[in-house]
Amino acid sequence: MVKVKVINKGHQPLPAYATPQSAGMDLRANIGESITLRPMERKLIPTGLYMALPAGYEAQVRPRSGLALKHGITVLNSPGTIDADYRGEVMVLLVNLSAEDFVVNDGERIAQMVIARHETAVFAEVAELDETERGTGGYGHTGVE
């Protein structure tokens, strides 16, 4: 378990896990009035939350599966990363991929957030890489069956 410092400048409850084994916590819209997302439109939706993650952690902002399936609403830069040194408001970049307007209401669960540990990489420049069975096979190299 990792402790995350949070300031809630909004009027929504803090993110919480829905079940004991949930990986993500719901993020809620913290808005004064409803926001309409037209088809193919994207907007930043405020949450009212500010946080300080410990070094070595990130918060990943991901779509909610129900919004994606039922309404075509997703997080555009999914997963969005909140770095440990970011101190601004947590915002969710939503996009409407449906053919109909979608209204975001105050308090609506708009995304989920996963707190994850990450490593810091150090690059070592070399003249060649080791051989593997895959080699340089890229996108779709294994087929569809």
Protein backbone atom coordinates (compact mmCIF):
# COMPACT_ATOMS: atom_id res chain seq x y z
CA MET A 1 0.00 0.00 0.00
CA VAL A 2 1.28 3.45 -0.90
CA LYS A 3 0.18 6.70 0.73
CA VAL A 4 -0.77 9.52 -1.62
CA LYS A 5 -1.17 13.07 -0.31
CA VAL A 6 -4.25 14.73 -1.78
CA ILE A 7 -5.97 18.11 -1.61
CA ASN A 8 -9.65 18.08 -2.53
CA LYS A 9 -10.62 21.57 -3.72
CA GLY A 10 -13.84 20.20 -5.13
CA HIS A 11 -17.04 18.96 -3.59
CA GLN A 12 -16.81 15.32 -4.71
CA PRO A 13 -15.66 12.43 -2.51
CA LEU A 14 -12.05 11.27 -2.75
CA PRO A 15 -11.36 8.43 -5.19
CA ALA A 16 -11.97 5.05 -3.60
CA TYR A 17 -11.80 1.41 -4.62
CA ALA A 18 -15.23 -0.08 -5.36
CA THR A 19 -14.22 -3.57 -4.22
CA PRO A 20 -11.28 -4.97 -2.22
CA GLN A 21 -9.58 -6.26 -5.39
CA SER A 22 -10.25 -3.28 -7.67
CA ALA A 23 -7.14 -1.94 -9.41
CA GLY A 24 -8.66 1.43 -10.28
CA MET A 25 -10.49 4.16 -8.41
CA ASP A 26 -13.21 6.21 -10.07
CA LEU A 27 -12.51 9.87 -10.83
CA ARG A 28 -15.54 12.18 -10.77
CA ALA A 29 -16.30 15.34 -12.70
CA ASN A 30 -16.12 18.39 -10.45
CA ILE A 31 -17.90 21.03 -12.52
CA GLY A 32 -20.23 23.92 -11.82
CA GLU A 33 -22.48 23.13 -14.75
CA SER A 34 -22.89 20.24 -17.16
CA ILE A 35 -20.49 19.97 -20.11
CA THR A 36 -21.69 18.71 -23.50
CA LEU A 37 -19.26 16.71 -25.61
CA ARG A 38 -20.33 16.76 -29.24
CA PRO A 39 -19.34 13.87 -31.57
CA MET A 40 -15.55 13.75 -32.03
CA GLU A 41 -15.11 16.63 -29.55
CA ARG A 42 -12.58 16.47 -26.72
CA LYS A 43 -12.48 18.47 -23.50
CA LEU A 44 -10.53 18.57 -20.26
CA ILE A 45 -12.81 17.78 -17.34
CA PRO A 46 -11.70 18.98 -13.89
CA THR A 47 -11.80 16.71 -10.84
CA GLY A 48 -10.95 19.19 -8.07
CA LEU A 49 -8.12 16.89 -6.95
CA TYR A 50 -4.45 17.79 -6.46
CA MET A 51 -2.01 15.16 -5.30
CA ALA A 52 1.59 14.37 -4.46
CA LEU A 53 2.65 10.87 -5.39
CA PRO A 54 5.78 9.37 -3.84
CA ALA A 55 8.87 9.21 -6.06
CA GLY A 56 8.83 6.07 -8.20
CA TYR A 57 5.03 6.12 -8.67
CA GLU A 58 2.65 7.42 -11.29
CA ALA A 59 -1.12 7.69 -11.51
CA GLN A 60 -2.58 6.29 -14.73
CA VAL A 61 -5.89 7.77 -15.91
CA ARG A 62 -7.89 5.25 -17.92
CA PRO A 63 -11.33 5.02 -19.52
CA ARG A 64 -14.32 3.54 -17.73
CA SER A 65 -15.48 0.50 -19.67
CA GLY A 66 -19.19 1.29 -19.24
CA LEU A 67 -18.84 4.79 -20.70
CA ALA A 68 -16.81 3.44 -23.60
CA LEU A 69 -19.24 0.63 -24.41
CA LYS A 70 -22.55 2.42 -23.86
CA HIS A 71 -21.66 5.95 -25.01
CA GLY A 72 -18.37 5.89 -26.96
CA ILE A 73 -16.69 8.08 -24.33
CA THR A 74 -13.02 7.40 -23.65
CA VAL A 75 -9.87 9.00 -22.29
CA LEU A 76 -8.02 10.35 -25.30
CA ASN A 77 -4.42 9.85 -24.16
CA SER A 78 -5.04 6.54 -22.52
CA PRO A 79 -3.53 5.86 -20.18
CA GLY A 80 -2.78 9.42 -19.22
CA THR A 81 0.15 9.69 -16.82
CA ILE A 82 0.29 11.90 -13.74
CA ASP A 83 3.92 12.16 -12.68
CA ALA A 84 5.08 12.25 -9.06
CA ASP A 85 6.30 15.85 -9.40
CA TYR A 86 3.04 17.24 -10.90
CA ARG A 87 1.11 19.46 -8.49
CA GLY A 88 -1.66 20.84 -10.69
CA GLU A 89 -5.27 19.77 -10.77
CA VAL A 90 -5.99 16.27 -12.01
CA MET A 91 -7.87 16.73 -15.28
CA VAL A 92 -9.38 14.05 -17.51
CA LEU A 93 -9.16 14.44 -21.30
CA LEU A 94 -12.41 12.93 -22.55
CA VAL A 95 -13.36 12.41 -26.18
CA ASN A 96 -16.75 11.50 -27.62
CA LEU A 97 -16.29 8.86 -30.33
CA SER A 98 -20.03 8.36 -30.79
CA ALA A 99 -22.41 10.01 -33.25
CA GLU A 100 -24.47 11.61 -30.45
CA ASP A 101 -23.88 14.39 -27.93
CA PHE A 102 -22.86 13.24 -24.46
CA VAL A 103 -23.50 15.33 -21.36
CA VAL A 104 -21.02 15.16 -18.49
CA ASN A 105 -22.76 15.99 -15.22
CA ASP A 106 -21.26 17.14 -11.95
CA GLY A 107 -20.23 14.14 -9.83
CA GLU A 108 -20.34 11.69 -12.73
CA ARG A 109 -17.69 8.97 -12.71
CA ILE A 110 -15.72 9.85 -15.84
CA ALA A 111 -12.50 7.80 -15.64
CA GLN A 112 -10.55 5.48 -13.42
CA MET A 113 -7.15 6.03 -11.88
CA VAL A 114 -4.55 3.35 -11.15
CA ILE A 115 -1.54 4.07 -8.96
CA ALA A 116 1.49 2.18 -10.27
CA ARG A 117 5.17 1.85 -9.40
CA HIS A 118 7.61 2.48 -12.24
CA GLU A 119 11.30 2.16 -12.86
CA THR A 120 13.73 4.83 -13.99
CA ALA A 121 15.72 3.71 -17.02
CA VAL A 122 19.34 4.43 -17.79
CA PHE A 123 20.24 4.01 -21.46
CA ALA A 124 23.48 2.29 -22.40
CA GLU A 125 24.40 2.90 -26.03
CA VAL A 126 25.78 -0.24 -27.74
CA ALA A 127 26.89 -1.18 -31.25
CA GLU A 128 24.49 -4.13 -31.61
CA LEU A 129 21.65 -5.91 -29.82
CA ASP A 130 21.34 -9.60 -28.95
CA GLU A 131 19.45 -11.84 -31.37
CA THR A 132 15.92 -13.09 -30.56
CA GLU A 133 13.42 -15.36 -32.29
CA ARG A 134 11.20 -12.36 -33.04
CA GLY A 135 14.00 -10.20 -34.32
CA THR A 136 12.72 -7.09 -36.10
CA GLY A 137 9.16 -8.44 -36.61
CA GLY A 138 6.83 -5.55 -35.81
CA TYR A 139 3.13 -4.85 -35.95
CA GLY A 140 1.12 -7.89 -37.01
CA HIS A 141 4.14 -10.10 -37.61
CA THR A 142 2.51 -13.12 -35.91
CA GLY A 143 -0.69 -12.99 -37.99
CA VAL A 144 -4.27 -13.12 -36.80
CA GLU A 145 -4.75 -16.82 -36.06
